[in-house]
């Protein structure tokens, strides 16, 4: 099993940007580009009659994860830290699980 921190360490073997500023910039820019590729796959499925290419979507999602690891490294935090932060934020926002009413009125 590959945990977040082990993945991040392996991913950073292939990061070409050495400075934190460049890791942040490359991470954010790359994440936006790869997320765009994900939505393009879904758009083609939803509106252009293409079959949903799950393998390609997984491939692009894995690229998103790589860029997220790059961003986290540039920020000096681990992916585990990012994941924990998100869980804590969601617990505060939705203490009893997702609630549409709380989503609209937050």
C-alpha atoms as a PDB file:
ATOM      1  CA  UNK A   1       0.000   0.000   0.000  1.00  0.00           C
ATOM      2  CA  UNK A   2       1.239   3.455  -0.912  1.00  0.00           C
ATOM      3  CA  UNK A   3       0.431   6.210   1.564  1.00  0.00           C
ATOM      4  CA  UNK A   4       0.348   9.932   0.798  1.00  0.00           C
ATOM      5  CA  UNK A   5       3.789  10.697   2.220  1.00  0.00           C
ATOM      6  CA  UNK A   6       5.477   7.802   0.398  1.00  0.00           C
ATOM      7  CA  UNK A   7       3.778   8.869  -2.836  1.00  0.00           C
ATOM      8  CA  UNK A   8       4.904  12.469  -2.378  1.00  0.00           C
ATOM      9  CA  UNK A   9       8.496  11.397  -1.849  1.00  0.00           C
ATOM     10  CA  UNK A  10       8.413   9.236  -4.989  1.00  0.00           C
ATOM     11  CA  UNK A  11       6.700  11.951  -7.023  1.00  0.00           C
ATOM     12  CA  UNK A  12       9.314  14.524  -6.098  1.00  0.00           C
ATOM     13  CA  UNK A  13      11.985  12.370  -7.757  1.00  0.00           C
ATOM     14  CA  UNK A  14      10.630  13.672 -11.059  1.00  0.00           C
ATOM     15  CA  UNK A  15      10.071  17.331 -10.138  1.00  0.00           C
ATOM     16  CA  UNK A  16      12.400  19.561 -12.122  1.00  0.00           C
ATOM     17  CA  UNK A  17      11.754  22.775 -10.182  1.00  0.00           C
ATOM     18  CA  UNK A  18      14.189  23.102  -7.325  1.00  0.00           C
ATOM     19  CA  UNK A  19      12.984  26.213  -5.506  1.00  0.00           C
ATOM     20  CA  UNK A  20       9.873  26.319  -3.363  1.00  0.00           C
ATOM     21  CA  UNK A  21       8.493  29.201  -5.427  1.00  0.00           C
ATOM     22  CA  UNK A  22       8.886  27.219  -8.644  1.00  0.00           C
ATOM     23  CA  UNK A  23       7.380  24.100  -7.073  1.00  0.00           C
ATOM     24  CA  UNK A  24       4.350  26.158  -6.026  1.00  0.00           C
ATOM     25  CA  UNK A  25       3.978  27.777  -9.443  1.00  0.00           C
ATOM     26  CA  UNK A  26       4.477  24.520 -11.329  1.00  0.00           C
ATOM     27  CA  UNK A  27       2.091  22.742  -8.954  1.00  0.00           C
ATOM     28  CA  UNK A  28      -0.725  25.272  -9.280  1.00  0.00           C
ATOM     29  CA  UNK A  29      -0.361  25.740 -13.029  1.00  0.00           C
ATOM     30  CA  UNK A  30      -0.062  22.026 -13.712  1.00  0.00           C
ATOM     31  CA  UNK A  31      -2.991  21.188 -11.448  1.00  0.00           C
ATOM     32  CA  UNK A  32      -5.209  23.619 -13.358  1.00  0.00           C
ATOM     33  CA  UNK A  33      -4.127  22.167 -16.694  1.00  0.00           C
ATOM     34  CA  UNK A  34      -4.674  18.562 -15.662  1.00  0.00           C
ATOM     35  CA  UNK A  35      -8.039  19.362 -14.052  1.00  0.00           C
ATOM     36  CA  UNK A  36      -8.988  20.905 -17.395  1.00  0.00           C
ATOM     37  CA  UNK A  37      -8.074  17.658 -19.122  1.00  0.00           C
ATOM     38  CA  UNK A  38     -10.295  15.768 -16.648  1.00  0.00           C
ATOM     39  CA  UNK A  39     -13.288  17.986 -17.333  1.00  0.00           C
ATOM     40  CA  UNK A  40     -12.714  17.712 -21.082  1.00  0.00           C
ATOM     41  CA  UNK A  41     -13.067  13.928 -20.854  1.00  0.00           C
ATOM     42  CA  UNK A  42     -16.314  14.286 -18.911  1.00  0.00           C
ATOM     43  CA  UNK A  43     -17.584  17.017 -21.290  1.00  0.00           C
ATOM     44  CA  UNK A  44     -17.006  14.788 -24.309  1.00  0.00           C
ATOM     45  CA  UNK A  45     -18.903  11.995 -22.566  1.00  0.00           C
ATOM     46  CA  UNK A  46     -21.796  14.176 -21.430  1.00  0.00           C
ATOM     47  CA  UNK A  47     -22.284  16.372 -24.482  1.00  0.00           C
ATOM     48  CA  UNK A  48     -20.506  14.813 -27.477  1.00  0.00           C
ATOM     49  CA  UNK A  49     -21.543  11.175 -27.282  1.00  0.00           C
ATOM     50  CA  UNK A  50     -18.162   9.746 -26.319  1.00  0.00           C
ATOM     51  CA  UNK A  51     -17.937   6.760 -24.017  1.00  0.00           C
ATOM     52  CA  UNK A  52     -16.600   7.751 -20.622  1.00  0.00           C
ATOM     53  CA  UNK A  53     -12.915   6.861 -20.871  1.00  0.00           C
ATOM     54  CA  UNK A  54     -12.312   5.781 -17.281  1.00  0.00           C
ATOM     55  CA  UNK A  55      -8.699   4.790 -17.931  1.00  0.00           C
ATOM     56  CA  UNK A  56      -7.887   8.199 -19.404  1.00  0.00           C
ATOM     57  CA  UNK A  57      -9.707   9.918 -16.545  1.00  0.00           C
ATOM     58  CA  UNK A  58      -7.687   7.913 -14.009  1.00  0.00           C
ATOM     59  CA  UNK A  59      -4.532   8.820 -15.928  1.00  0.00           C
ATOM     60  CA  UNK A  60      -5.360  12.535 -15.771  1.00  0.00           C
ATOM     61  CA  UNK A  61      -6.411  12.288 -12.108  1.00  0.00           C
ATOM     62  CA  UNK A  62      -3.030  10.754 -11.324  1.00  0.00           C
ATOM     63  CA  UNK A  63      -1.399  13.753 -13.012  1.00  0.00           C
ATOM     64  CA  UNK A  64      -3.505  16.015 -10.757  1.00  0.00           C
ATOM     65  CA  UNK A  65      -2.177  14.135  -7.747  1.00  0.00           C
ATOM     66  CA  UNK A  66       1.415  14.599  -8.957  1.00  0.00           C
ATOM     67  CA  UNK A  67       0.933  18.353  -9.283  1.00  0.00           C
ATOM     68  CA  UNK A  68      -0.775  18.497  -5.888  1.00  0.00           C
ATOM     69  CA  UNK A  69       2.253  16.734  -4.382  1.00  0.00           C
ATOM     70  CA  UNK A  70       4.481  19.299  -6.095  1.00  0.00           C
ATOM     71  CA  UNK A  71       2.424  22.169  -4.695  1.00  0.00           C
ATOM     72  CA  UNK A  72       2.478  20.691  -1.184  1.00  0.00           C
ATOM     73  CA  UNK A  73       6.244  20.196  -1.370  1.00  0.00           C
ATOM     74  CA  UNK A  74       6.707  23.814  -2.427  1.00  0.00           C
ATOM     75  CA  UNK A  75       4.590  24.887   0.541  1.00  0.00           C
ATOM     76  CA  UNK A  76       6.710  22.744   2.848  1.00  0.00           C
ATOM     77  CA  UNK A  77       3.864  20.452   3.885  1.00  0.00           C
ATOM     78  CA  UNK A  78       3.048  16.822   3.260  1.00  0.00           C
ATOM     79  CA  UNK A  79       0.082  15.506   1.313  1.00  0.00           C
ATOM     80  CA  UNK A  80      -0.967  13.906   4.583  1.00  0.00           C
ATOM     81  CA  UNK A  81      -1.035  17.390   6.145  1.00  0.00           C
ATOM     82  CA  UNK A  82      -3.191  18.637   3.269  1.00  0.00           C
ATOM     83  CA  UNK A  83      -5.567  15.678   3.631  1.00  0.00           C
ATOM     84  CA  UNK A  84      -5.854  16.162   7.408  1.00  0.00           C
ATOM     85  CA  UNK A  85      -6.512  19.878   6.923  1.00  0.00           C
ATOM     86  CA  UNK A  86      -9.349  19.092   4.527  1.00  0.00           C
ATOM     87  CA  UNK A  87     -10.935  16.536   6.865  1.00  0.00           C
ATOM     88  CA  UNK A  88     -10.812  19.026   9.754  1.00  0.00           C
ATOM     89  CA  UNK A  89     -12.327  21.777   7.597  1.00  0.00           C
ATOM     90  CA  UNK A  90     -15.160  19.471   6.461  1.00  0.00           C
ATOM     91  CA  UNK A  91     -15.819  18.274  10.023  1.00  0.00           C
ATOM     92  CA  UNK A  92     -16.333  21.870  11.119  1.00  0.00           C
ATOM     93  CA  UNK A  93     -18.503  22.683   8.092  1.00  0.00           C
ATOM     94  CA  UNK A  94     -20.561  19.482   8.187  1.00  0.00           C
ATOM     95  CA  UNK A  95     -20.284  17.986  11.699  1.00  0.00           C
ATOM     96  CA  UNK A  96     -23.057  15.455  11.004  1.00  0.00           C
ATOM     97  CA  UNK A  97     -22.046  14.707   7.400  1.00  0.00           C
ATOM     98  CA  UNK A  98     -23.032  16.562   4.244  1.00  0.00           C
ATOM     99  CA  UNK A  99     -26.146  18.677   4.519  1.00  0.00           C
ATOM    100  CA  UNK A 100     -27.491  20.483   1.444  1.00  0.00           C
ATOM    101  CA  UNK A 101     -28.982  23.233   3.608  1.00  0.00           C
ATOM    102  CA  UNK A 102     -25.609  23.922   5.246  1.00  0.00           C
ATOM    103  CA  UNK A 103     -23.974  23.850   1.834  1.00  0.00           C
ATOM    104  CA  UNK A 104     -26.278  26.580   0.525  1.00  0.00           C
ATOM    105  CA  UNK A 105     -26.237  28.683   3.706  1.00  0.00           C
ATOM    106  CA  UNK A 106     -22.641  28.703   4.877  1.00  0.00           C
END
